[in-house]
Amino acid sequence: MTGLGILRSPSAIALLGAFAVTGCGGYQLDQARLAASPDGAFDSGLRDGYIDLSQREFNEGDYLDSDVFADRALAVSGGSAPGPEELAARQLPEDQVSALSDARNRLVAALDNGAASKVPAPAARAQVMFDCWMQEQEENFQPDDISRCRNGFDLAMSDVEAAMRPVAAAPEPVAEPTKFYTIFFDLDSDKLNPIGSRVVEEIATDWNAGEGNLKLVGHADASGGADYNQALSERRAKAVRAALQDLGLAENKLADTGVGETDLLVPTADGAFEPKNRRVTVTVE
């Protein structure tokens, strides 16, 4: 950020001489200050940031870069806000090109995704500090100024990227697992045995009339005829229903049916005895 920063080419030296003759520059900076303030937080942030950079460079005698930043402020005021400075616009140290390229890509990606409208203030700050970093890195002899600009860019970009990061969707609520009960019966019986009675009591404790309807499905094994097993499965379902009603569950909350031997828990051949197939299942409809 000193006058040494302008000594980059014969043309620059000549132009410096011209500035010295005409009063050490400042005209573009004055014009930028007098220009109308643009609408929108992003453009206003760019303009103010570039004017600040222009003033810094002017104070240090770098009138060329002062004019560069003043011209960018004027472009914003004129409705033609420039994008982040191209890497080719500066003669950068080779070992810094990669870092600057990565930084510019981050910034451009955010701007392409609407950062200027979504997070205008930090987006404008990020662009201004990127251009500041570019200018200081080209001069490459004031490490404190390089760090100030680079750190300013990193902080602004962190704010931009944090604000632009998609909000994770709330997880779908996990449904309560449906409670499922099985009441087993003795061979050729529709009477609740002691174990079955305890299961019925458990159902009555877990469920009440306000927690939904209970569906009771009776089953039989394949040891008898199909018609007989159908009737037996229905009687088993009605036996469980009657026991639940006796324990206080409302009649209109209970639905019973029988499926005979058509839905075997343990697949068997016709005519086979299987205790696990003699059952009533109870679920919430």
C-alpha atoms as a PDB file:
ATOM      1  CA  MET A   1       0.000   0.000   0.000  1.00  0.00           C
ATOM      2  CA  THR A   2       2.833   2.452  -0.615  1.00  0.00           C
ATOM      3  CA  GLY A   3       3.876   4.447  -3.609  1.00  0.00           C
ATOM      4  CA  LEU A   4       6.319   1.653  -4.464  1.00  0.00           C
ATOM      5  CA  GLY A   5       3.300  -0.398  -5.506  1.00  0.00           C
ATOM      6  CA  ILE A   6       2.897   1.634  -8.695  1.00  0.00           C
ATOM      7  CA  LEU A   7       6.398   0.972 -10.029  1.00  0.00           C
ATOM      8  CA  ARG A   8       5.427  -2.045 -12.080  1.00  0.00           C
ATOM      9  CA  SER A   9       6.048  -0.899 -15.656  1.00  0.00           C
ATOM     10  CA  PRO A  10       7.440   2.032 -17.681  1.00  0.00           C
ATOM     11  CA  SER A  11       3.896   3.141 -18.451  1.00  0.00           C
ATOM     12  CA  ALA A  12       3.074   3.142 -14.757  1.00  0.00           C
ATOM     13  CA  ILE A  13       6.119   5.279 -14.033  1.00  0.00           C
ATOM     14  CA  ALA A  14       5.073   7.713 -16.720  1.00  0.00           C
ATOM     15  CA  LEU A  15       1.577   7.854 -15.355  1.00  0.00           C
ATOM     16  CA  LEU A  16       2.939   8.458 -11.864  1.00  0.00           C
ATOM     17  CA  GLY A  17       4.793  11.410 -13.233  1.00  0.00           C
ATOM     18  CA  ALA A  18       1.601  12.703 -14.733  1.00  0.00           C
ATOM     19  CA  PHE A  19      -0.105  12.404 -11.367  1.00  0.00           C
ATOM     20  CA  ALA A  20       2.731  14.239  -9.694  1.00  0.00           C
ATOM     21  CA  VAL A  21       2.291  17.102 -12.143  1.00  0.00           C
ATOM     22  CA  THR A  22      -1.462  17.292 -11.679  1.00  0.00           C
ATOM     23  CA  GLY A  23      -1.482  17.221  -7.899  1.00  0.00           C
ATOM     24  CA  CYS A  24      -0.907  13.594  -6.895  1.00  0.00           C
ATOM     25  CA  GLY A  25      -4.282  12.241  -8.058  1.00  0.00           C
ATOM     26  CA  GLY A  26      -7.451  12.104  -6.045  1.00  0.00           C
ATOM     27  CA  TYR A  27      -9.815  13.227  -8.795  1.00  0.00           C
ATOM     28  CA  GLN A  28     -11.368   9.779  -9.286  1.00  0.00           C
ATOM     29  CA  LEU A  29     -11.744   9.343  -5.542  1.00  0.00           C
ATOM     30  CA  ASP A  30     -13.511  12.704  -5.297  1.00  0.00           C
ATOM     31  CA  GLN A  31     -15.814  11.725  -8.154  1.00  0.00           C
ATOM     32  CA  ALA A  32     -16.610   8.440  -6.465  1.00  0.00           C
ATOM     33  CA  ARG A  33     -17.512  10.219  -3.240  1.00  0.00           C
ATOM     34  CA  LEU A  34     -19.792  12.658  -5.110  1.00  0.00           C
ATOM     35  CA  ALA A  35     -21.575   9.953  -7.100  1.00  0.00           C
ATOM     36  CA  ALA A  36     -25.062   8.970  -6.033  1.00  0.00           C
ATOM     37  CA  SER A  37     -25.290   6.154  -3.558  1.00  0.00           C
ATOM     38  CA  PRO A  38     -26.714   3.057  -5.260  1.00  0.00           C
ATOM     39  CA  ASP A  39     -29.834   1.247  -4.186  1.00  0.00           C
ATOM     40  CA  GLY A  40     -29.538  -2.034  -2.355  1.00  0.00           C
ATOM     41  CA  ALA A  41     -27.381  -3.166   0.521  1.00  0.00           C
ATOM     42  CA  PHE A  42     -24.980  -5.160  -1.666  1.00  0.00           C
ATOM     43  CA  ASP A  43     -24.215  -2.307  -4.081  1.00  0.00           C
ATOM     44  CA  SER A  44     -23.993   0.190  -1.237  1.00  0.00           C
ATOM     45  CA  GLY A  45     -21.548  -2.095   0.549  1.00  0.00           C
ATOM     46  CA  LEU A  46     -19.427  -2.458  -2.583  1.00  0.00           C
ATOM     47  CA  ARG A  47     -19.327   1.273  -3.234  1.00  0.00           C
ATOM     48  CA  ASP A  48     -18.423   2.177   0.338  1.00  0.00           C
ATOM     49  CA  GLY A  49     -15.844  -0.602   0.506  1.00  0.00           C
ATOM     50  CA  TYR A  50     -14.149   0.445  -2.728  1.00  0.00           C
ATOM     51  CA  ILE A  51     -14.087   4.083  -1.657  1.00  0.00           C
ATOM     52  CA  ASP A  52     -12.424   3.015   1.585  1.00  0.00           C
ATOM     53  CA  LEU A  53      -9.784   1.025  -0.356  1.00  0.00           C
ATOM     54  CA  SER A  54      -9.261   3.953  -2.707  1.00  0.00           C
ATOM     55  CA  GLN A  55      -8.701   6.303   0.226  1.00  0.00           C
ATOM     56  CA  ARG A  56      -6.224   3.891   1.844  1.00  0.00           C
ATOM     57  CA  GLU A  57      -4.170   3.652  -1.309  1.00  0.00           C
ATOM     58  CA  PHE A  58      -4.328   7.414  -1.844  1.00  0.00           C
ATOM     59  CA  ASN A  59      -3.090   8.017   1.694  1.00  0.00           C
ATOM     60  CA  GLU A  60      -0.086   5.787   0.985  1.00  0.00           C
ATOM     61  CA  GLY A  61       0.724   7.434  -2.321  1.00  0.00           C
ATOM     62  CA  ASP A  62      -0.439   4.553  -4.525  1.00  0.00           C
ATOM     63  CA  TYR A  63      -2.521   6.731  -6.823  1.00  0.00           C
ATOM     64  CA  LEU A  64      -2.860   4.120  -9.537  1.00  0.00           C
ATOM     65  CA  ASP A  65      -4.584   1.607  -7.277  1.00  0.00           C
ATOM     66  CA  SER A  66      -6.506   4.408  -5.624  1.00  0.00           C
ATOM     67  CA  ASP A  67      -7.988   5.179  -9.028  1.00  0.00           C
ATOM     68  CA  VAL A  68      -8.637   1.483  -9.718  1.00  0.00           C
ATOM     69  CA  PHE A  69     -10.781   1.200  -6.618  1.00  0.00           C
ATOM     70  CA  ALA A  70     -12.411   4.593  -7.177  1.00  0.00           C
ATOM     71  CA  ASP A  71     -13.370   3.513 -10.690  1.00  0.00           C
ATOM     72  CA  ARG A  72     -14.952   0.365  -9.302  1.00  0.00           C
ATOM     73  CA  ALA A  73     -16.949   2.474  -6.845  1.00  0.00           C
ATOM     74  CA  LEU A  74     -18.089   4.705  -9.721  1.00  0.00           C
ATOM     75  CA  ALA A  75     -19.152   1.659 -11.727  1.00  0.00           C
ATOM     76  CA  VAL A  76     -21.309   0.498  -8.845  1.00  0.00           C
ATOM     77  CA  SER A  77     -22.906   3.942  -8.528  1.00  0.00           C
ATOM     78  CA  GLY A  78     -23.560   3.881 -12.258  1.00  0.00           C
ATOM     79  CA  GLY A  79     -25.484   0.636 -12.031  1.00  0.00           C
ATOM     80  CA  SER A  80     -22.730  -1.606 -13.429  1.00  0.00           C
ATOM     81  CA  ALA A  81     -21.299  -3.247 -10.339  1.00  0.00           C
ATOM     82  CA  PRO A  82     -18.146  -5.172 -11.274  1.00  0.00           C
ATOM     83  CA  GLY A  83     -17.544  -8.735 -10.206  1.00  0.00           C
ATOM     84  CA  PRO A  84     -14.536  -9.879  -8.190  1.00  0.00           C
ATOM     85  CA  GLU A  85     -11.289  -8.903  -9.860  1.00  0.00           C
ATOM     86  CA  GLU A  86      -9.956 -11.429 -12.376  1.00  0.00           C
ATOM     87  CA  LEU A  87      -6.667 -13.070 -11.457  1.00  0.00           C
ATOM     88  CA  ALA A  88      -5.262 -12.057 -14.838  1.00  0.00           C
ATOM     89  CA  ALA A  89      -5.693  -8.395 -13.915  1.00  0.00           C
ATOM     90  CA  ARG A  90      -2.744  -8.611 -11.497  1.00  0.00           C
ATOM     91  CA  GLN A  91       0.826  -9.840 -11.671  1.00  0.00           C
ATOM     92  CA  LEU A  92       0.591 -12.259  -8.784  1.00  0.00           C
ATOM     93  CA  PRO A  93       3.362 -14.284  -7.150  1.00  0.00           C
ATOM     94  CA  GLU A  94       3.172 -17.818  -8.508  1.00  0.00           C
ATOM     95  CA  ASP A  95       2.969 -19.362  -5.054  1.00  0.00           C
ATOM     96  CA  GLN A  96      -0.160 -17.326  -4.262  1.00  0.00           C
ATOM     97  CA  VAL A  97      -2.166 -17.988  -7.417  1.00  0.00           C
ATOM     98  CA  SER A  98      -3.723 -21.207  -6.155  1.00  0.00           C
ATOM     99  CA  ALA A  99      -4.979 -19.688  -2.901  1.00  0.00           C
ATOM    100  CA  LEU A 100      -6.415 -16.661  -4.682  1.00  0.00           C
ATOM    101  CA  SER A 101      -8.002 -18.835  -7.346  1.00  0.00           C
ATOM    102  CA  ASP A 102      -9.699 -20.989  -4.716  1.00  0.00           C
ATOM    103  CA  ALA A 103     -10.882 -17.894  -2.867  1.00  0.00           C
ATOM    104  CA  ARG A 104     -12.320 -16.353  -6.016  1.00  0.00           C
ATOM    105  CA  ASN A 105     -14.101 -19.580  -6.918  1.00  0.00           C
ATOM    106  CA  ARG A 106     -15.734 -19.646  -3.473  1.00  0.00           C
ATOM    107  CA  LEU A 107     -16.844 -16.062  -3.837  1.00  0.00           C
ATOM    108  CA  VAL A 108     -18.177 -16.449  -7.373  1.00  0.00           C
ATOM    109  CA  ALA A 109     -20.077 -19.602  -6.419  1.00  0.00           C
ATOM    110  CA  ALA A 110     -21.754 -17.769  -3.540  1.00  0.00           C
ATOM    111  CA  LEU A 111     -22.644 -14.795  -5.732  1.00  0.00           C
ATOM    112  CA  ASP A 112     -24.021 -17.114  -8.416  1.00  0.00           C
ATOM    113  CA  ASN A 113     -26.236 -18.669  -5.736  1.00  0.00           C
ATOM    114  CA  GLY A 114     -27.746 -15.322  -4.800  1.00  0.00           C
ATOM    115  CA  ALA A 115     -25.511 -14.182  -1.950  1.00  0.00           C
ATOM    116  CA  ALA A 116     -25.845 -10.540  -3.068  1.00  0.00           C
ATOM    117  CA  SER A 117     -29.553 -10.580  -2.282  1.00  0.00           C
ATOM    118  CA  LYS A 118     -29.595 -13.149   0.527  1.00  0.00           C
ATOM    119  CA  VAL A 119     -26.650 -11.859   2.588  1.00  0.00           C
ATOM    120  CA  PRO A 120     -25.743  -8.550   0.935  1.00  0.00           C
ATOM    121  CA  ALA A 121     -23.511  -6.969   3.572  1.00  0.00           C
ATOM    122  CA  PRO A 122     -21.056  -9.860   4.102  1.00  0.00           C
ATOM    123  CA  ALA A 123     -21.134 -10.669   0.364  1.00  0.00           C
ATOM    124  CA  ALA A 124     -20.097  -7.117  -0.504  1.00  0.00           C
ATOM    125  CA  ARG A 125     -17.439  -7.203   2.199  1.00  0.00           C
ATOM    126  CA  ALA A 126     -16.076 -10.485   0.836  1.00  0.00           C
ATOM    127  CA  GLN A 127     -15.731  -9.068  -2.683  1.00  0.00           C
ATOM    128  CA  VAL A 128     -14.087  -5.850  -1.499  1.00  0.00           C
ATOM    129  CA  MET A 129     -11.620  -7.725   0.675  1.00  0.00           C
ATOM    130  CA  PHE A 130     -10.846 -10.178  -2.116  1.00  0.00           C
ATOM    131  CA  ASP A 131      -9.925  -7.287  -4.421  1.00  0.00           C
ATOM    132  CA  CYS A 132      -7.920  -5.775  -1.565  1.00  0.00           C
ATOM    133  CA  TRP A 133      -6.072  -9.080  -1.137  1.00  0.00           C
ATOM    134  CA  MET A 134      -5.371  -9.215  -4.869  1.00  0.00           C
ATOM    135  CA  GLN A 135      -3.885  -5.722  -4.863  1.00  0.00           C
ATOM    136  CA  GLU A 136      -1.760  -6.268  -1.775  1.00  0.00           C
ATOM    137  CA  GLN A 137      -0.591  -9.662  -2.978  1.00  0.00           C
ATOM    138  CA  GLU A 138       0.550  -8.149  -6.263  1.00  0.00           C
ATOM    139  CA  GLU A 139       2.701  -5.650  -4.394  1.00  0.00           C
ATOM    140  CA  ASN A 140       3.825  -8.464  -2.111  1.00  0.00           C
ATOM    141  CA  PHE A 141       5.930  -6.477   0.321  1.00  0.00           C
ATOM    142  CA  GLN A 142       3.515  -5.528   3.105  1.00  0.00           C
ATOM    143  CA  PRO A 143       2.642  -8.771   4.922  1.00  0.00           C
ATOM    144  CA  ASP A 144       0.474  -7.031   7.512  1.00  0.00           C
ATOM    145  CA  ASP A 145      -1.726  -5.523   4.803  1.00  0.00           C
ATOM    146  CA  ILE A 146      -1.875  -8.820   2.933  1.00  0.00           C
ATOM    147  CA  SER A 147      -3.000 -10.557   6.111  1.00  0.00           C
ATOM    148  CA  ARG A 148      -5.552  -7.851   6.871  1.00  0.00           C
ATOM    149  CA  CYS A 149      -7.177  -8.222   3.476  1.00  0.00           C
ATOM    150  CA  ARG A 150      -6.982 -12.006   3.392  1.00  0.00           C
ATOM    151  CA  ASN A 151      -8.368 -12.364   6.911  1.00  0.00           C
ATOM    152  CA  GLY A 152     -11.101  -9.882   6.087  1.00  0.00           C
ATOM    153  CA  PHE A 153     -12.054 -11.985   3.091  1.00  0.00           C
ATOM    154  CA  ASP A 154     -12.040 -15.228   5.088  1.00  0.00           C
ATOM    155  CA  LEU A 155     -14.227 -13.775   7.839  1.00  0.00           C
ATOM    156  CA  ALA A 156     -16.715 -12.323   5.374  1.00  0.00           C
ATOM    157  CA  MET A 157     -16.848 -15.538   3.345  1.00  0.00           C
ATOM    158  CA  SER A 158     -17.415 -17.562   6.501  1.00  0.00           C
ATOM    159  CA  ASP A 159     -20.444 -15.386   7.239  1.00  0.00           C
ATOM    160  CA  VAL A 160     -21.677 -15.720   3.660  1.00  0.00           C
ATOM    161  CA  GLU A 161     -21.299 -19.481   3.512  1.00  0.00           C
ATOM    162  CA  ALA A 162     -22.832 -19.992   6.940  1.00  0.00           C
ATOM    163  CA  ALA A 163     -25.879 -17.958   5.954  1.00  0.00           C
ATOM    164  CA  MET A 164     -26.162 -19.688   2.574  1.00  0.00           C
ATOM    165  CA  ARG A 165     -25.833 -23.187   3.971  1.00  0.00           C
ATOM    166  CA  PRO A 166     -29.126 -25.080   3.513  1.00  0.00           C
ATOM    167  CA  VAL A 167     -31.035 -25.635   6.682  1.00  0.00           C
ATOM    168  CA  ALA A 168     -31.383 -29.339   7.349  1.00  0.00           C
ATOM    169  CA  ALA A 169     -34.954 -30.505   7.069  1.00  0.00           C
ATOM    170  CA  ALA A 170     -36.524 -31.596  10.286  1.00  0.00           C
ATOM    171  CA  PRO A 171     -36.511 -35.365  10.508  1.00  0.00           C
ATOM    172  CA  GLU A 172     -39.775 -37.090   9.875  1.00  0.00           C
ATOM    173  CA  PRO A 173     -41.436 -37.955  13.138  1.00  0.00           C
ATOM    174  CA  VAL A 174     -40.947 -41.575  14.021  1.00  0.00           C
ATOM    175  CA  ALA A 175     -44.259 -43.303  14.393  1.00  0.00           C
ATOM    176  CA  GLU A 176     -44.846 -45.145  17.575  1.00  0.00           C
ATOM    177  CA  PRO A 177     -44.454 -48.852  16.908  1.00  0.00           C
ATOM    178  CA  THR A 178     -47.766 -50.626  16.695  1.00  0.00           C
ATOM    179  CA  LYS A 179     -48.266 -52.935  19.616  1.00  0.00           C
ATOM    180  CA  PHE A 180     -49.023 -56.470  18.594  1.00  0.00           C
ATOM    181  CA  TYR A 181     -50.214 -59.236  20.842  1.00  0.00           C
ATOM    182  CA  THR A 182     -50.664 -62.948  20.274  1.00  0.00           C
ATOM    183  CA  ILE A 183     -52.851 -65.148  22.443  1.00  0.00           C
ATOM    184  CA  PHE A 184     -52.343 -68.881  21.956  1.00  0.00           C
ATOM    185  CA  PHE A 185     -55.044 -71.511  22.477  1.00  0.00           C
ATOM    186  CA  ASP A 186     -55.045 -75.169  23.326  1.00  0.00           C
ATOM    187  CA  LEU A 187     -55.891 -77.806  20.731  1.00  0.00           C
ATOM    188  CA  ASP A 188     -59.503 -77.610  19.517  1.00  0.00           C
ATOM    189  CA  SER A 189     -60.308 -74.993  22.193  1.00  0.00           C
ATOM    190  CA  ASP A 190     -61.784 -71.511  22.191  1.00  0.00           C
ATOM    191  CA  LYS A 191     -61.258 -71.044  25.948  1.00  0.00           C
ATOM    192  CA  LEU A 192     -58.569 -68.752  27.291  1.00  0.00           C
ATOM    193  CA  ASN A 193     -55.892 -70.659  29.169  1.00  0.00           C
ATOM    194  CA  PRO A 194     -54.005 -69.004  32.091  1.00  0.00           C
ATOM    195  CA  ILE A 195     -51.271 -67.632  29.820  1.00  0.00           C
ATOM    196  CA  GLY A 196     -53.853 -66.256  27.403  1.00  0.00           C
ATOM    197  CA  SER A 197     -55.719 -64.599  30.235  1.00  0.00           C
ATOM    198  CA  ARG A 198     -52.557 -62.798  31.353  1.00  0.00           C
ATOM    199  CA  VAL A 199     -52.019 -61.498  27.821  1.00  0.00           C
ATOM    200  CA  VAL A 200     -55.594 -60.177  27.748  1.00  0.00           C
ATOM    201  CA  GLU A 201     -54.971 -58.384  31.039  1.00  0.00           C
ATOM    202  CA  GLU A 202     -51.804 -56.848  29.555  1.00  0.00           C
ATOM    203  CA  ILE A 203     -53.792 -55.595  26.565  1.00  0.00           C
ATOM    204  CA  ALA A 204     -56.389 -54.027  28.831  1.00  0.00           C
ATOM    205  CA  THR A 205     -53.650 -52.293  30.806  1.00  0.00           C
ATOM    206  CA  ASP A 206     -51.868 -50.943  27.712  1.00  0.00           C
ATOM    207  CA  TRP A 207     -54.939 -49.834  25.783  1.00  0.00           C
ATOM    208  CA  ASN A 208     -58.059 -47.998  26.762  1.00  0.00           C
ATOM    209  CA  ALA A 209     -61.089 -46.830  24.874  1.00  0.00           C
ATOM    210  CA  GLY A 210     -59.417 -43.588  23.795  1.00  0.00           C
ATOM    211  CA  GLU A 211     -56.359 -45.106  22.098  1.00  0.00           C
ATOM    212  CA  GLY A 212     -57.922 -46.498  18.958  1.00  0.00           C
ATOM    213  CA  ASN A 213     -59.781 -49.564  17.847  1.00  0.00           C
ATOM    214  CA  LEU A 214     -58.443 -53.031  18.450  1.00  0.00           C
ATOM    215  CA  LYS A 215     -58.559 -55.590  15.696  1.00  0.00           C
ATOM    216  CA  LEU A 216     -58.863 -59.215  16.797  1.00  0.00           C
ATOM    217  CA  VAL A 217     -58.150 -61.953  14.270  1.00  0.00           C
ATOM    218  CA  GLY A 218     -58.706 -65.602  15.143  1.00  0.00           C
ATOM    219  CA  HIS A 219     -56.626 -68.411  13.623  1.00  0.00           C
ATOM    220  CA  ALA A 220     -56.618 -72.210  13.639  1.00  0.00           C
ATOM    221  CA  ASP A 221     -54.092 -74.852  12.678  1.00  0.00           C
ATOM    222  CA  ALA A 222     -54.608 -77.246   9.752  1.00  0.00           C
ATOM    223  CA  SER A 223     -55.514 -80.297  11.821  1.00  0.00           C
ATOM    224  CA  GLY A 224     -59.261 -80.138  11.158  1.00  0.00           C
ATOM    225  CA  GLY A 225     -61.533 -79.427   8.228  1.00  0.00           C
ATOM    226  CA  ALA A 226     -61.475 -75.946   6.710  1.00  0.00           C
ATOM    227  CA  ASP A 227     -65.072 -75.090   7.663  1.00  0.00           C
ATOM    228  CA  TYR A 228     -64.605 -76.335  11.214  1.00  0.00           C
ATOM    229  CA  ASN A 229     -61.334 -74.353  11.560  1.00  0.00           C
ATOM    230  CA  GLN A 230     -63.033 -71.222  10.233  1.00  0.00           C
ATOM    231  CA  ALA A 231     -65.729 -71.432  12.882  1.00  0.00           C
ATOM    232  CA  LEU A 232     -63.161 -72.259  15.584  1.00  0.00           C
ATOM    233  CA  SER A 233     -61.048 -69.211  14.681  1.00  0.00           C
ATOM    234  CA  GLU A 234     -64.111 -66.962  14.910  1.00  0.00           C
ATOM    235  CA  ARG A 235     -65.029 -68.339  18.339  1.00  0.00           C
ATOM    236  CA  ARG A 236     -61.490 -67.741  19.558  1.00  0.00           C
ATOM    237  CA  ALA A 237     -61.631 -64.086  18.435  1.00  0.00           C
ATOM    238  CA  LYS A 238     -65.001 -63.600  20.142  1.00  0.00           C
ATOM    239  CA  ALA A 239     -63.646 -65.164  23.344  1.00  0.00           C
ATOM    240  CA  VAL A 240     -60.825 -62.593  23.472  1.00  0.00           C
ATOM    241  CA  ARG A 241     -63.280 -59.809  22.690  1.00  0.00           C
ATOM    242  CA  ALA A 242     -65.564 -60.840  25.538  1.00  0.00           C
ATOM    243  CA  ALA A 243     -62.619 -60.987  27.945  1.00  0.00           C
ATOM    244  CA  LEU A 244     -61.487 -57.481  26.969  1.00  0.00           C
ATOM    245  CA  GLN A 245     -65.000 -56.120  27.408  1.00  0.00           C
ATOM    246  CA  ASP A 246     -65.137 -57.682  30.853  1.00  0.00           C
ATOM    247  CA  LEU A 247     -61.976 -55.696  31.670  1.00  0.00           C
ATOM    248  CA  GLY A 248     -63.568 -52.393  30.634  1.00  0.00           C
ATOM    249  CA  LEU A 249     -62.774 -51.927  26.944  1.00  0.00           C
ATOM    250  CA  ALA A 250     -65.683 -50.420  25.024  1.00  0.00           C
ATOM    251  CA  GLU A 251     -67.556 -52.740  22.672  1.00  0.00           C
ATOM    252  CA  ASN A 252     -67.403 -50.222  19.811  1.00  0.00           C
ATOM    253  CA  LYS A 253     -63.596 -50.218  19.992  1.00  0.00           C
ATOM    254  CA  LEU A 254     -63.302 -53.941  19.308  1.00  0.00           C
ATOM    255  CA  ALA A 255     -63.592 -55.709  15.964  1.00  0.00           C
ATOM    256  CA  ASP A 256     -63.227 -59.453  15.629  1.00  0.00           C
ATOM    257  CA  THR A 257     -62.979 -61.833  12.735  1.00  0.00           C
ATOM    258  CA  GLY A 258     -61.622 -65.281  11.964  1.00  0.00           C
ATOM    259  CA  VAL A 259     -59.513 -66.546   9.083  1.00  0.00           C
ATOM    260  CA  GLY A 260     -59.486 -70.257   9.869  1.00  0.00           C
ATOM    261  CA  GLU A 261     -56.382 -72.027   8.631  1.00  0.00           C
ATOM    262  CA  THR A 262     -55.689 -69.584   5.763  1.00  0.00           C
ATOM    263  CA  ASP A 263     -52.953 -67.578   7.496  1.00  0.00           C
ATOM    264  CA  LEU A 264     -50.669 -70.008   9.271  1.00  0.00           C
ATOM    265  CA  LEU A 265     -47.907 -68.576  11.436  1.00  0.00           C
ATOM    266  CA  VAL A 266     -45.932 -71.768  10.857  1.00  0.00           C
ATOM    267  CA  PRO A 267     -46.558 -73.220   7.388  1.00  0.00           C
ATOM    268  CA  THR A 268     -47.600 -76.885   7.593  1.00  0.00           C
ATOM    269  CA  ALA A 269     -49.189 -79.538   5.464  1.00  0.00           C
ATOM    270  CA  ASP A 270     -52.968 -79.897   5.596  1.00  0.00           C
ATOM    271  CA  GLY A 271     -54.020 -81.911   8.613  1.00  0.00           C
ATOM    272  CA  ALA A 272     -50.865 -81.121  10.630  1.00  0.00           C
ATOM    273  CA  PHE A 273     -51.009 -80.123  14.316  1.00  0.00           C
ATOM    274  CA  GLU A 274     -49.131 -76.926  15.177  1.00  0.00           C
ATOM    275  CA  PRO A 275     -49.632 -75.095  18.514  1.00  0.00           C
ATOM    276  CA  LYS A 276     -48.329 -71.751  17.189  1.00  0.00           C
ATOM    277  CA  ASN A 277     -51.103 -71.659  14.592  1.00  0.00           C
ATOM    278  CA  ARG A 278     -53.867 -71.811  17.237  1.00  0.00           C
ATOM    279  CA  ARG A 279     -54.009 -68.131  18.110  1.00  0.00           C
ATOM    280  CA  VAL A 280     -55.707 -64.753  18.155  1.00  0.00           C
ATOM    281  CA  THR A 281     -53.717 -61.676  17.110  1.00  0.00           C
ATOM    282  CA  VAL A 282     -54.590 -58.248  18.509  1.00  0.00           C
ATOM    283  CA  THR A 283     -53.459 -55.013  16.821  1.00  0.00           C
ATOM    284  CA  VAL A 284     -54.577 -51.386  16.595  1.00  0.00           C
ATOM    285  CA  GLU A 285     -56.551 -50.633  13.440  1.00  0.00           C
END
